[in-house]
Amino acid sequence: NAGTEADVYISVYGERSDTGSRQLLRSQKSKKFLKGQTDFFAVGAVYLGCLHKIVIGHNGLGSAGNRWFLAKIVIKDPVTDLDFTFLCHRWLDQGQDYGNIAREL
């Protein structure tokens, strides 16, 4: 029960701008956000510069419930080829860890 079927959203913040809230729709995997799985998504945006924050969360819906344990988010900047890693290691779950279904990292 560490994965989720809920709709997951991310906002990425950089020194120049932010993406606004974007739903993570198409993964390279047939099923997204499964326990122990790494998913890959492309998120189009203007050049944000050096990244300093993300907000990641879900809508709390889904037949398997809304429990999701998120280890980390790695964002690869295609312009600079730099990786930005945001560690979480927390639950996004209404019944765990203060009931937060969104995290600022």
PDB file of N, CA and C in Angstrom:
ATOM      1  N   ASN A   1       0.818  -1.208   0.000  1.00  0.00           N
ATOM      2  CA  ASN A   1       0.000   0.000   0.000  1.00  0.00           C
ATOM      3  C   ASN A   1       0.856   1.265   0.000  1.00  0.00           C
ATOM      4  N   ALA A   2       1.946   1.271  -0.729  1.00  0.00           N
ATOM      5  CA  ALA A   2       2.792   2.460  -0.787  1.00  0.00           C
ATOM      6  C   ALA A   2       2.658   3.183  -2.114  1.00  0.00           C
ATOM      7  N   GLY A   3       1.857   2.659  -3.031  1.00  0.00           N
ATOM      8  CA  GLY A   3       1.607   3.310  -4.310  1.00  0.00           C
ATOM      9  C   GLY A   3       0.262   4.002  -4.288  1.00  0.00           C
ATOM     10  N   THR A   4      -0.082   4.691  -5.381  1.00  0.00           N
ATOM     11  CA  THR A   4      -1.363   5.380  -5.448  1.00  0.00           C
ATOM     12  C   THR A   4      -1.927   5.327  -6.854  1.00  0.00           C
ATOM     13  N   GLU A   5      -3.249   5.349  -6.933  1.00  0.00           N
ATOM     14  CA  GLU A   5      -3.957   5.498  -8.202  1.00  0.00           C
ATOM     15  C   GLU A   5      -4.532   6.898  -8.343  1.00  0.00           C
ATOM     16  N   ALA A   6      -4.269   7.758  -7.364  1.00  0.00           N
ATOM     17  CA  ALA A   6      -4.760   9.134  -7.398  1.00  0.00           C
ATOM     18  C   ALA A   6      -4.061   9.911  -8.517  1.00  0.00           C
ATOM     19  N   ASP A   7      -4.659  11.028  -8.911  1.00  0.00           N
ATOM     20  CA  ASP A   7      -4.026  11.928  -9.869  1.00  0.00           C
ATOM     21  C   ASP A   7      -2.948  12.715  -9.134  1.00  0.00           C
ATOM     22  N   VAL A   8      -1.728  12.694  -9.671  1.00  0.00           N
ATOM     23  CA  VAL A   8      -0.583  13.341  -9.026  1.00  0.00           C
ATOM     24  C   VAL A   8      -0.237  14.620  -9.787  1.00  0.00           C
ATOM     25  N   TYR A   9       0.025  15.674  -9.020  1.00  0.00           N
ATOM     26  CA  TYR A   9       0.333  16.991  -9.578  1.00  0.00           C
ATOM     27  C   TYR A   9       1.673  17.480  -9.039  1.00  0.00           C
ATOM     28  N   ILE A  10       2.385  18.254  -9.882  1.00  0.00           N
ATOM     29  CA  ILE A  10       3.656  18.833  -9.472  1.00  0.00           C
ATOM     30  C   ILE A  10       3.730  20.281  -9.945  1.00  0.00           C
ATOM     31  N   SER A  11       4.338  21.119  -9.130  1.00  0.00           N
ATOM     32  CA  SER A  11       4.709  22.485  -9.504  1.00  0.00           C
ATOM     33  C   SER A  11       6.204  22.607  -9.263  1.00  0.00           C
ATOM     34  N   VAL A  12       6.929  23.109 -10.240  1.00  0.00           N
ATOM     35  CA  VAL A  12       8.381  23.249 -10.161  1.00  0.00           C
ATOM     36  C   VAL A  12       8.719  24.738 -10.150  1.00  0.00           C
ATOM     37  N   TYR A  13       9.556  25.150  -9.197  1.00  0.00           N
ATOM     38  CA  TYR A  13       9.909  26.552  -9.022  1.00  0.00           C
ATOM     39  C   TYR A  13      11.403  26.746  -9.261  1.00  0.00           C
ATOM     40  N   GLY A  14      11.732  27.722 -10.095  1.00  0.00           N
ATOM     41  CA  GLY A  14      13.121  28.053 -10.367  1.00  0.00           C
ATOM     42  C   GLY A  14      13.381  29.521 -10.131  1.00  0.00           C
ATOM     43  N   GLU A  15      14.621  29.935 -10.383  1.00  0.00           N
ATOM     44  CA  GLU A  15      15.003  31.328 -10.147  1.00  0.00           C
ATOM     45  C   GLU A  15      14.333  32.285 -11.130  1.00  0.00           C
ATOM     46  N   ARG A  16      13.848  31.777 -12.263  1.00  0.00           N
ATOM     47  CA  ARG A  16      13.238  32.645 -13.268  1.00  0.00           C
ATOM     48  C   ARG A  16      11.714  32.588 -13.305  1.00  0.00           C
ATOM     49  N   SER A  17      11.137  31.447 -12.941  1.00  0.00           N
ATOM     50  CA  SER A  17       9.696  31.282 -13.076  1.00  0.00           C
ATOM     51  C   SER A  17       9.275  29.973 -12.415  1.00  0.00           C
ATOM     52  N   ASP A  18       8.039  29.578 -12.663  1.00  0.00           N
ATOM     53  CA  ASP A  18       7.559  28.276 -12.197  1.00  0.00           C
ATOM     54  C   ASP A  18       6.632  27.690 -13.254  1.00  0.00           C
ATOM     55  N   THR A  19       6.341  26.413 -13.101  1.00  0.00           N
ATOM     56  CA  THR A  19       5.526  25.714 -14.098  1.00  0.00           C
ATOM     57  C   THR A  19       4.036  25.854 -13.853  1.00  0.00           C
ATOM     58  N   GLY A  20       3.642  26.256 -12.650  1.00  0.00           N
ATOM     59  CA  GLY A  20       2.242  26.124 -12.272  1.00  0.00           C
ATOM     60  C   GLY A  20       1.978  24.644 -12.008  1.00  0.00           C
ATOM     61  N   SER A  21       0.786  24.326 -11.589  1.00  0.00           N
ATOM     62  CA  SER A  21       0.450  22.937 -11.264  1.00  0.00           C
ATOM     63  C   SER A  21       0.252  22.133 -12.545  1.00  0.00           C
ATOM     64  N   ARG A  22       0.971  21.016 -12.641  1.00  0.00           N
ATOM     65  CA  ARG A  22       0.887  20.133 -13.814  1.00  0.00           C
ATOM     66  C   ARG A  22       0.579  18.717 -13.363  1.00  0.00           C
ATOM     67  N   GLN A  23      -0.418  18.088 -13.976  1.00  0.00           N
ATOM     68  CA  GLN A  23      -0.703  16.696 -13.671  1.00  0.00           C
ATOM     69  C   GLN A  23       0.314  15.803 -14.365  1.00  0.00           C
ATOM     70  N   LEU A  24       0.835  14.818 -13.650  1.00  0.00           N
ATOM     71  CA  LEU A  24       1.771  13.857 -14.229  1.00  0.00           C
ATOM     72  C   LEU A  24       0.945  12.752 -14.888  1.00  0.00           C
ATOM     73  N   LEU A  25       0.854  12.814 -16.208  1.00  0.00           N
ATOM     74  CA  LEU A  25      -0.068  11.959 -16.948  1.00  0.00           C
ATOM     75  C   LEU A  25       0.570  10.719 -17.544  1.00  0.00           C
ATOM     76  N   ARG A  26       1.555  10.899 -18.387  1.00  0.00           N
ATOM     77  CA  ARG A  26       2.087   9.784 -19.168  1.00  0.00           C
ATOM     78  C   ARG A  26       3.481   9.386 -18.701  1.00  0.00           C
ATOM     79  N   SER A  27       3.532   8.224 -18.070  1.00  0.00           N
ATOM     80  CA  SER A  27       4.800   7.658 -17.634  1.00  0.00           C
ATOM     81  C   SER A  27       5.300   6.706 -18.715  1.00  0.00           C
ATOM     82  N   GLN A  28       6.561   6.342 -18.638  1.00  0.00           N
ATOM     83  CA  GLN A  28       7.090   5.318 -19.537  1.00  0.00           C
ATOM     84  C   GLN A  28       6.624   3.935 -19.117  1.00  0.00           C
ATOM     85  N   LYS A  29       6.018   3.816 -17.943  1.00  0.00           N
ATOM     86  CA  LYS A  29       5.493   2.541 -17.436  1.00  0.00           C
ATOM     87  C   LYS A  29       3.999   2.468 -17.754  1.00  0.00           C
ATOM     88  N   SER A  30       3.465   1.251 -17.882  1.00  0.00           N
ATOM     89  CA  SER A  30       2.040   1.106 -18.185  1.00  0.00           C
ATOM     90  C   SER A  30       1.167   1.510 -16.996  1.00  0.00           C
ATOM     91  N   LYS A  31       1.627   1.273 -15.769  1.00  0.00           N
ATOM     92  CA  LYS A  31       0.914   1.705 -14.562  1.00  0.00           C
ATOM     93  C   LYS A  31       1.825   2.616 -13.766  1.00  0.00           C
ATOM     94  N   LYS A  32       1.282   3.764 -13.365  1.00  0.00           N
ATOM     95  CA  LYS A  32       2.074   4.771 -12.661  1.00  0.00           C
ATOM     96  C   LYS A  32       2.001   4.589 -11.155  1.00  0.00           C
ATOM     97  N   PHE A  33       3.039   5.047 -10.458  1.00  0.00           N
ATOM     98  CA  PHE A  33       3.078   5.226  -9.012  1.00  0.00           C
ATOM     99  C   PHE A  33       2.849   3.929  -8.235  1.00  0.00           C
ATOM    100  N   LEU A  34       3.440   2.839  -8.703  1.00  0.00           N
ATOM    101  CA  LEU A  34       3.356   1.576  -7.980  1.00  0.00           C
ATOM    102  C   LEU A  34       4.460   1.501  -6.931  1.00  0.00           C
ATOM    103  N   LYS A  35       4.232   0.716  -5.899  1.00  0.00           N
ATOM    104  CA  LYS A  35       5.210   0.543  -4.834  1.00  0.00           C
ATOM    105  C   LYS A  35       6.545   0.071  -5.398  1.00  0.00           C
ATOM    106  N   GLY A  36       7.636   0.751  -5.037  1.00  0.00           N
ATOM    107  CA  GLY A  36       8.975   0.368  -5.447  1.00  0.00           C
ATOM    108  C   GLY A  36       9.330   0.706  -6.887  1.00  0.00           C
ATOM    109  N   GLN A  37       8.462   1.377  -7.594  1.00  0.00           N
ATOM    110  CA  GLN A  37       8.673   1.662  -9.018  1.00  0.00           C
ATOM    111  C   GLN A  37       9.216   3.070  -9.218  1.00  0.00           C
ATOM    112  N   THR A  38      10.062   3.239 -10.226  1.00  0.00           N
ATOM    113  CA  THR A  38      10.515   4.550 -10.657  1.00  0.00           C
ATOM    114  C   THR A  38       9.762   4.912 -11.918  1.00  0.00           C
ATOM    115  N   ASP A  39       9.116   6.073 -11.917  1.00  0.00           N
ATOM    116  CA  ASP A  39       8.370   6.555 -13.075  1.00  0.00           C
ATOM    117  C   ASP A  39       9.099   7.738 -13.692  1.00  0.00           C
ATOM    118  N   PHE A  40       8.941   7.893 -15.003  1.00  0.00           N
ATOM    119  CA  PHE A  40       9.578   8.976 -15.743  1.00  0.00           C
ATOM    120  C   PHE A  40       8.506   9.760 -16.480  1.00  0.00           C
ATOM    121  N   PHE A  41       8.548  11.092 -16.363  1.00  0.00           N
ATOM    122  CA  PHE A  41       7.576  11.968 -17.012  1.00  0.00           C
ATOM    123  C   PHE A  41       8.306  13.113 -17.690  1.00  0.00           C
ATOM    124  N   ALA A  42       7.736  13.606 -18.783  1.00  0.00           N
ATOM    125  CA  ALA A  42       8.220  14.825 -19.428  1.00  0.00           C
ATOM    126  C   ALA A  42       7.243  15.938 -19.066  1.00  0.00           C
ATOM    127  N   VAL A  43       7.782  17.051 -18.551  1.00  0.00           N
ATOM    128  CA  VAL A  43       6.963  18.204 -18.200  1.00  0.00           C
ATOM    129  C   VAL A  43       7.512  19.387 -18.976  1.00  0.00           C
ATOM    130  N   GLY A  44       6.744  19.875 -19.917  1.00  0.00           N
ATOM    131  CA  GLY A  44       7.168  21.019 -20.722  1.00  0.00           C
ATOM    132  C   GLY A  44       7.058  22.312 -19.938  1.00  0.00           C
ATOM    133  N   ALA A  45       8.031  23.192 -20.107  1.00  0.00           N
ATOM    134  CA  ALA A  45       8.016  24.477 -19.402  1.00  0.00           C
ATOM    135  C   ALA A  45       9.017  25.418 -20.064  1.00  0.00           C
ATOM    136  N   VAL A  46       8.844  26.707 -19.810  1.00  0.00           N
ATOM    137  CA  VAL A  46       9.872  27.666 -20.198  1.00  0.00           C
ATOM    138  C   VAL A  46      11.101  27.384 -19.344  1.00  0.00           C
ATOM    139  N   TYR A  47      12.246  27.933 -19.731  1.00  0.00           N
ATOM    140  CA  TYR A  47      13.452  27.716 -18.945  1.00  0.00           C
ATOM    141  C   TYR A  47      13.280  28.368 -17.574  1.00  0.00           C
ATOM    142  N   LEU A  48      13.413  27.584 -16.503  1.00  0.00           N
ATOM    143  CA  LEU A  48      13.176  28.040 -15.141  1.00  0.00           C
ATOM    144  C   LEU A  48      14.439  28.517 -14.431  1.00  0.00           C
ATOM    145  N   GLY A  49      15.602  28.237 -14.996  1.00  0.00           N
ATOM    146  CA  GLY A  49      16.847  28.541 -14.304  1.00  0.00           C
ATOM    147  C   GLY A  49      17.125  27.487 -13.250  1.00  0.00           C
ATOM    148  N   CYS A  50      17.923  27.840 -12.260  1.00  0.00           N
ATOM    149  CA  CYS A  50      18.259  26.918 -11.176  1.00  0.00           C
ATOM    150  C   CYS A  50      17.001  26.624 -10.358  1.00  0.00           C
ATOM    151  N   LEU A  51      16.708  25.357 -10.166  1.00  0.00           N
ATOM    152  CA  LEU A  51      15.498  24.974  -9.437  1.00  0.00           C
ATOM    153  C   LEU A  51      15.743  25.048  -7.932  1.00  0.00           C
ATOM    154  N   HIS A  52      14.738  25.519  -7.189  1.00  0.00           N
ATOM    155  CA  HIS A  52      14.911  25.630  -5.737  1.00  0.00           C
ATOM    156  C   HIS A  52      13.777  25.005  -4.944  1.00  0.00           C
ATOM    157  N   LYS A  53      12.655  24.650  -5.572  1.00  0.00           N
ATOM    158  CA  LYS A  53      11.534  24.104  -4.814  1.00  0.00           C
ATOM    159  C   LYS A  53      10.580  23.384  -5.752  1.00  0.00           C
ATOM    160  N   ILE A  54       9.923  22.347  -5.220  1.00  0.00           N
ATOM    161  CA  ILE A  54       8.791  21.734  -5.910  1.00  0.00           C
ATOM    162  C   ILE A  54       7.667  21.535  -4.893  1.00  0.00           C
ATOM    163  N   VAL A  55       6.464  21.479  -5.404  1.00  0.00           N
ATOM    164  CA  VAL A  55       5.303  21.066  -4.616  1.00  0.00           C
ATOM    165  C   VAL A  55       4.719  19.867  -5.341  1.00  0.00           C
ATOM    166  N   ILE A  56       4.594  18.751  -4.642  1.00  0.00           N
ATOM    167  CA  ILE A  56       4.089  17.500  -5.210  1.00  0.00           C
ATOM    168  C   ILE A  56       2.916  17.041  -4.347  1.00  0.00           C
ATOM    169  N   GLY A  57       1.868  16.581  -4.990  1.00  0.00           N
ATOM    170  CA  GLY A  57       0.711  16.114  -4.238  1.00  0.00           C
ATOM    171  C   GLY A  57      -0.241  15.352  -5.127  1.00  0.00           C
ATOM    172  N   HIS A  58      -1.318  14.859  -4.523  1.00  0.00           N
ATOM    173  CA  HIS A  58      -2.330  14.137  -5.294  1.00  0.00           C
ATOM    174  C   HIS A  58      -3.721  14.543  -4.821  1.00  0.00           C
ATOM    175  N   ASN A  59      -4.744  14.085  -5.565  1.00  0.00           N
ATOM    176  CA  ASN A  59      -6.113  14.501  -5.272  1.00  0.00           C
ATOM    177  C   ASN A  59      -6.811  13.607  -4.253  1.00  0.00           C
ATOM    178  N   GLY A  60      -6.152  12.581  -3.742  1.00  0.00           N
ATOM    179  CA  GLY A  60      -6.729  11.737  -2.706  1.00  0.00           C
ATOM    180  C   GLY A  60      -7.746  10.727  -3.184  1.00  0.00           C
ATOM    181  N   LEU A  61      -7.888  10.567  -4.494  1.00  0.00           N
ATOM    182  CA  LEU A  61      -8.881   9.651  -5.043  1.00  0.00           C
ATOM    183  C   LEU A  61      -8.219   8.404  -5.601  1.00  0.00           C
ATOM    184  N   GLY A  62      -9.014   7.369  -5.856  1.00  0.00           N
ATOM    185  CA  GLY A  62      -8.505   6.139  -6.457  1.00  0.00           C
ATOM    186  C   GLY A  62      -9.071   4.925  -5.746  1.00  0.00           C
ATOM    187  N   SER A  63      -9.279   3.859  -6.506  1.00  0.00           N
ATOM    188  CA  SER A  63      -9.891   2.654  -5.937  1.00  0.00           C
ATOM    189  C   SER A  63      -9.001   1.989  -4.891  1.00  0.00           C
ATOM    190  N   ALA A  64      -7.691   2.172  -4.994  1.00  0.00           N
ATOM    191  CA  ALA A  64      -6.767   1.574  -4.023  1.00  0.00           C
ATOM    192  C   ALA A  64      -6.492   2.523  -2.858  1.00  0.00           C
ATOM    193  N   GLY A  65      -7.241   3.601  -2.783  1.00  0.00           N
ATOM    194  CA  GLY A  65      -7.024   4.572  -1.723  1.00  0.00           C
ATOM    195  C   GLY A  65      -6.038   5.646  -2.148  1.00  0.00           C
ATOM    196  N   ASN A  66      -5.678   6.463  -1.189  1.00  0.00           N
ATOM    197  CA  ASN A  66      -4.820   7.598  -1.527  1.00  0.00           C
ATOM    198  C   ASN A  66      -3.464   7.530  -0.855  1.00  0.00           C
ATOM    199  N   ARG A  67      -3.089   6.380  -0.326  1.00  0.00           N
ATOM    200  CA  ARG A  67      -1.792   6.248   0.338  1.00  0.00           C
ATOM    201  C   ARG A  67      -0.671   6.242  -0.702  1.00  0.00           C
ATOM    202  N   TRP A  68       0.353   7.050  -0.462  1.00  0.00           N
ATOM    203  CA  TRP A  68       1.501   7.069  -1.370  1.00  0.00           C
ATOM    204  C   TRP A  68       2.729   7.438  -0.557  1.00  0.00           C
ATOM    205  N   PHE A  69       3.745   6.593  -0.617  1.00  0.00           N
ATOM    206  CA  PHE A  69       5.028   6.896   0.006  1.00  0.00           C
ATOM    207  C   PHE A  69       5.974   7.343  -1.091  1.00  0.00           C
ATOM    208  N   LEU A  70       6.437   8.577  -1.013  1.00  0.00           N
ATOM    209  CA  LEU A  70       7.304   9.164  -2.030  1.00  0.00           C
ATOM    210  C   LEU A  70       8.725   9.240  -1.500  1.00  0.00           C
ATOM    211  N   ALA A  71       9.649   8.588  -2.195  1.00  0.00           N
ATOM    212  CA  ALA A  71      11.058   8.611  -1.782  1.00  0.00           C
ATOM    213  C   ALA A  71      11.731   9.910  -2.224  1.00  0.00           C
ATOM    214  N   LYS A  72      11.694  10.192  -3.528  1.00  0.00           N
ATOM    215  CA  LYS A  72      12.359  11.397  -4.027  1.00  0.00           C
ATOM    216  C   LYS A  72      11.867  11.726  -5.427  1.00  0.00           C
ATOM    217  N   ILE A  73      12.163  12.952  -5.832  1.00  0.00           N
ATOM    218  CA  ILE A  73      11.905  13.435  -7.188  1.00  0.00           C
ATOM    219  C   ILE A  73      13.249  13.899  -7.740  1.00  0.00           C
ATOM    220  N   VAL A  74      13.584  13.443  -8.944  1.00  0.00           N
ATOM    221  CA  VAL A  74      14.781  13.921  -9.635  1.00  0.00           C
ATOM    222  C   VAL A  74      14.323  14.594 -10.919  1.00  0.00           C
ATOM    223  N   ILE A  75      14.719  15.846 -11.100  1.00  0.00           N
ATOM    224  CA  ILE A  75      14.372  16.594 -12.305  1.00  0.00           C
ATOM    225  C   ILE A  75      15.639  16.821 -13.102  1.00  0.00           C
ATOM    226  N   LYS A  76      15.605  16.390 -14.358  1.00  0.00           N
ATOM    227  CA  LYS A  76      16.746  16.574 -15.257  1.00  0.00           C
ATOM    228  C   LYS A  76      16.466  17.785 -16.140  1.00  0.00           C
ATOM    229  N   ASP A  77      17.343  18.780 -16.078  1.00  0.00           N
ATOM    230  CA  ASP A  77      17.228  19.977 -16.903  1.00  0.00           C
ATOM    231  C   ASP A  77      17.828  19.680 -18.275  1.00  0.00           C
ATOM    232  N   PRO A  78      16.999  19.666 -19.328  1.00  0.00           N
ATOM    233  CA  PRO A  78      17.528  19.327 -20.656  1.00  0.00           C
ATOM    234  C   PRO A  78      18.444  20.399 -21.247  1.00  0.00           C
ATOM    235  N   VAL A  79      18.369  21.622 -20.730  1.00  0.00           N
ATOM    236  CA  VAL A  79      19.216  22.713 -21.234  1.00  0.00           C
ATOM    237  C   VAL A  79      20.636  22.581 -20.691  1.00  0.00           C
ATOM    238  N   THR A  80      20.751  22.384 -19.372  1.00  0.00           N
ATOM    239  CA  THR A  80      22.068  22.335 -18.731  1.00  0.00           C
ATOM    240  C   THR A  80      22.553  20.918 -18.469  1.00  0.00           C
ATOM    241  N   ASP A  81      21.680  19.939 -18.623  1.00  0.00           N
ATOM    242  CA  ASP A  81      21.954  18.529 -18.338  1.00  0.00           C
ATOM    243  C   ASP A  81      22.249  18.292 -16.846  1.00  0.00           C
ATOM    244  N   LEU A  82      21.785  19.200 -15.987  1.00  0.00           N
ATOM    245  CA  LEU A  82      21.943  19.044 -14.536  1.00  0.00           C
ATOM    246  C   LEU A  82      20.759  18.287 -13.963  1.00  0.00           C
ATOM    247  N   ASP A  83      21.008  17.532 -12.891  1.00  0.00           N
ATOM    248  CA  ASP A  83      19.962  16.861 -12.144  1.00  0.00           C
ATOM    249  C   ASP A  83      19.712  17.622 -10.846  1.00  0.00           C
ATOM    250  N   PHE A  84      18.437  17.840 -10.527  1.00  0.00           N
ATOM    251  CA  PHE A  84      18.025  18.454  -9.273  1.00  0.00           C
ATOM    252  C   PHE A  84      17.249  17.403  -8.490  1.00  0.00           C
ATOM    253  N   THR A  85      17.735  17.035  -7.307  1.00  0.00           N
ATOM    254  CA  THR A  85      17.116  15.989  -6.509  1.00  0.00           C
ATOM    255  C   THR A  85      16.423  16.603  -5.301  1.00  0.00           C
ATOM    256  N   PHE A  86      15.160  16.219  -5.125  1.00  0.00           N
ATOM    257  CA  PHE A  86      14.346  16.673  -4.002  1.00  0.00           C
ATOM    258  C   PHE A  86      13.944  15.441  -3.207  1.00  0.00           C
ATOM    259  N   LEU A  87      14.510  15.295  -1.998  1.00  0.00           N
ATOM    260  CA  LEU A  87      14.237  14.139  -1.154  1.00  0.00           C
ATOM    261  C   LEU A  87      12.944  14.351  -0.383  1.00  0.00           C
ATOM    262  N   CYS A  88      12.169  13.287  -0.256  1.00  0.00           N
ATOM    263  CA  CYS A  88      10.918  13.352   0.491  1.00  0.00           C
ATOM    264  C   CYS A  88      10.910  12.313   1.612  1.00  0.00           C
ATOM    265  N   HIS A  89      10.925  11.041   1.259  1.00  0.00           N
ATOM    266  CA  HIS A  89      10.876   9.930   2.217  1.00  0.00           C
ATOM    267  C   HIS A  89       9.741  10.112   3.226  1.00  0.00           C
ATOM    268  N   ARG A  90       8.572  10.491   2.733  1.00  0.00           N
ATOM    269  CA  ARG A  90       7.398  10.726   3.576  1.00  0.00           C
ATOM    270  C   ARG A  90       6.151  10.196   2.878  1.00  0.00           C
ATOM    271  N   TRP A  91       5.106  10.004   3.665  1.00  0.00           N
ATOM    272  CA  TRP A  91       3.795   9.631   3.140  1.00  0.00           C
ATOM    273  C   TRP A  91       3.056  10.863   2.651  1.00  0.00           C
ATOM    274  N   LEU A  92       2.348  10.699   1.551  1.00  0.00           N
ATOM    275  CA  LEU A  92       1.338  11.656   1.107  1.00  0.00           C
ATOM    276  C   LEU A  92       0.027  10.899   1.275  1.00  0.00           C
ATOM    277  N   ASP A  93      -0.587  11.049   2.436  1.00  0.00           N
ATOM    278  CA  ASP A  93      -1.686  10.180   2.839  1.00  0.00           C
ATOM    279  C   ASP A  93      -2.530  10.890   3.891  1.00  0.00           C
ATOM    280  N   GLN A  94      -3.827  10.903   3.709  1.00  0.00           N
ATOM    281  CA  GLN A  94      -4.723  11.560   4.654  1.00  0.00           C
ATOM    282  C   GLN A  94      -4.739  10.870   6.016  1.00  0.00           C
ATOM    283  N   GLY A  95      -4.303   9.607   6.073  1.00  0.00           N
ATOM    284  CA  GLY A  95      -4.329   8.873   7.331  1.00  0.00           C
ATOM    285  C   GLY A  95      -2.970   8.693   7.987  1.00  0.00           C
ATOM    286  N   GLN A  96      -1.914   9.268   7.431  1.00  0.00           N
ATOM    287  CA  GLN A  96      -0.555   9.115   7.959  1.00  0.00           C
ATOM    288  C   GLN A  96       0.129  10.476   8.022  1.00  0.00           C
ATOM    289  N   ASP A  97       1.092  10.598   8.899  1.00  0.00           N
ATOM    290  CA  ASP A  97       2.025  11.731   8.861  1.00  0.00           C
ATOM    291  C   ASP A  97       1.306  13.082   8.755  1.00  0.00           C
ATOM    292  N   TYR A  98       0.419  13.390   9.676  1.00  0.00           N
ATOM    293  CA  TYR A  98      -0.331  14.649   9.754  1.00  0.00           C
ATOM    294  C   TYR A  98      -1.361  14.825   8.634  1.00  0.00           C
ATOM    295  N   GLY A  99      -1.627  13.791   7.847  1.00  0.00           N
ATOM    296  CA  GLY A  99      -2.677  13.846   6.842  1.00  0.00           C
ATOM    297  C   GLY A  99      -2.369  14.668   5.600  1.00  0.00           C
ATOM    298  N   ASN A 100      -1.096  14.950   5.351  1.00  0.00           N
ATOM    299  CA  ASN A 100      -0.715  15.745   4.175  1.00  0.00           C
ATOM    300  C   ASN A 100      -0.766  14.906   2.906  1.00  0.00           C
ATOM    301  N   ILE A 101      -1.471  15.397   1.876  1.00  0.00           N
ATOM    302  CA  ILE A 101      -1.442  14.739   0.574  1.00  0.00           C
ATOM    303  C   ILE A 101      -0.650  15.582  -0.424  1.00  0.00           C
ATOM    304  N   ALA A 102       0.004  16.633   0.073  1.00  0.00           N
ATOM    305  CA  ALA A 102       0.918  17.438  -0.742  1.00  0.00           C
ATOM    306  C   ALA A 102       2.126  17.788   0.121  1.00  0.00           C
ATOM    307  N   ARG A 103       3.268  17.904  -0.528  1.00  0.00           N
ATOM    308  CA  ARG A 103       4.518  18.241   0.171  1.00  0.00           C
ATOM    309  C   ARG A 103       5.271  19.313  -0.625  1.00  0.00           C
ATOM    310  N   GLU A 104       5.865  20.248   0.122  1.00  0.00           N
ATOM    311  CA  GLU A 104       6.782  21.224  -0.470  1.00  0.00           C
ATOM    312  C   GLU A 104       8.191  20.721  -0.199  1.00  0.00           C
ATOM    313  N   LEU A 105       8.957  20.511  -1.226  1.00  0.00           N
ATOM    314  CA  LEU A 105      10.323  19.985  -1.099  1.00  0.00           C
ATOM    315  C   LEU A 105      11.308  20.998  -1.663  1.00  0.00           C
TER     316      LEU A 105
END
